[in-house]
Amino acid sequence: MPKSSVPKTHNAPKAISVLPRNRLVSPLAIARATVISLLVLIGGYELRSLIAQWTPSLLTPKASPLTSNALSPQFGSTNTPEPQAVTLPVTVEQLMQMAPEANPQQLRQLVPHLNQAMAKFGVNTRLRQAHLLAQIAHESDRFTALEASRSGADYEGRKDLGNTQRGDGVKYKPRGLIQLVGRTNYAAASKALGVDLIHHPQRLADPELAALSAGWFWSTNQLNGDADKDDVRTVTKIVNGGYNGLDDRIQLLQAAKKALGMQSSKAKSQN
């Protein structure tokens, strides 16, 4: 392309304006200007104050619920469970109403650990609690037996339960509120709960571990979902491995619902 024919121009330096000596600003003028500036600033501040009083929401942003609640231990988490999924503790009186045969003294020892386990493993609605209580009430003979009365010899050699060593059947007999049985289940519970149940299996019959192991088993087998469907048959199949005592579990479920203040409903138990 041809070069532009427009001649280049050089910008001349700008002239610096200097006030003539006879135009110098007098000290009186400077003082007057300073006073006026101060009055303007003061007037502006007062005006802003008045506006802030009249319309505070325009100048001060509202704190969001999450920001406000972050200062409260009760509501600080953004993973707050849904309103209908709030853990409500069960009481000794409710369990006695559900299972009058239970030992009140033993229930008083058990209930705090049971509530702790339900909170820890998400058994946090009345329907879920009712299903769990029905199952453990049946498994533990109305909350009275945290260890099976039989020796456990009938589980000897059960490879499906991990009983591969001599004496495993007796050593890892049914214990806990949900009656865990077998070396495999004891080993898994040991790892999950941080307790050596392989070398100290009898500890599973302690009230705290009896409750925690039941909650762990419930959560591991995702039984909350079946409880939400009010499906006592499926819950029984997973807990028991079959349907032993199904009728009793159904009766206990209805008793648990009544004790917990739920409306009576017929659980799904059809084939």
Foldseek 3Di string as FASTA:
>chain_A
DDDDPDDDDDDDDDDDDDDPPVPDDDPVVVVVVVVVVVVVVVVVVVVVVVVCVVCVCVVDPDDDPQRVCCVPPVRNDPPDDDPQQAADFDDLVLLCQLPVVDDSVLCVQQRVLLSVLCVVQRCGHLLSVLLLSLQLCVQQVSSPRQFDPDQQPVCAPVVVQPNPDPPQRRLFFFGASLGRGHPVLQVVLCVVVVHPCVVPVVCCNRSNNSNNSSSVLCNVVVVVVVSVLLASQVVCCSSPVHCPPVVSSQSSSQSSCVSVPHDGDRGDDDD
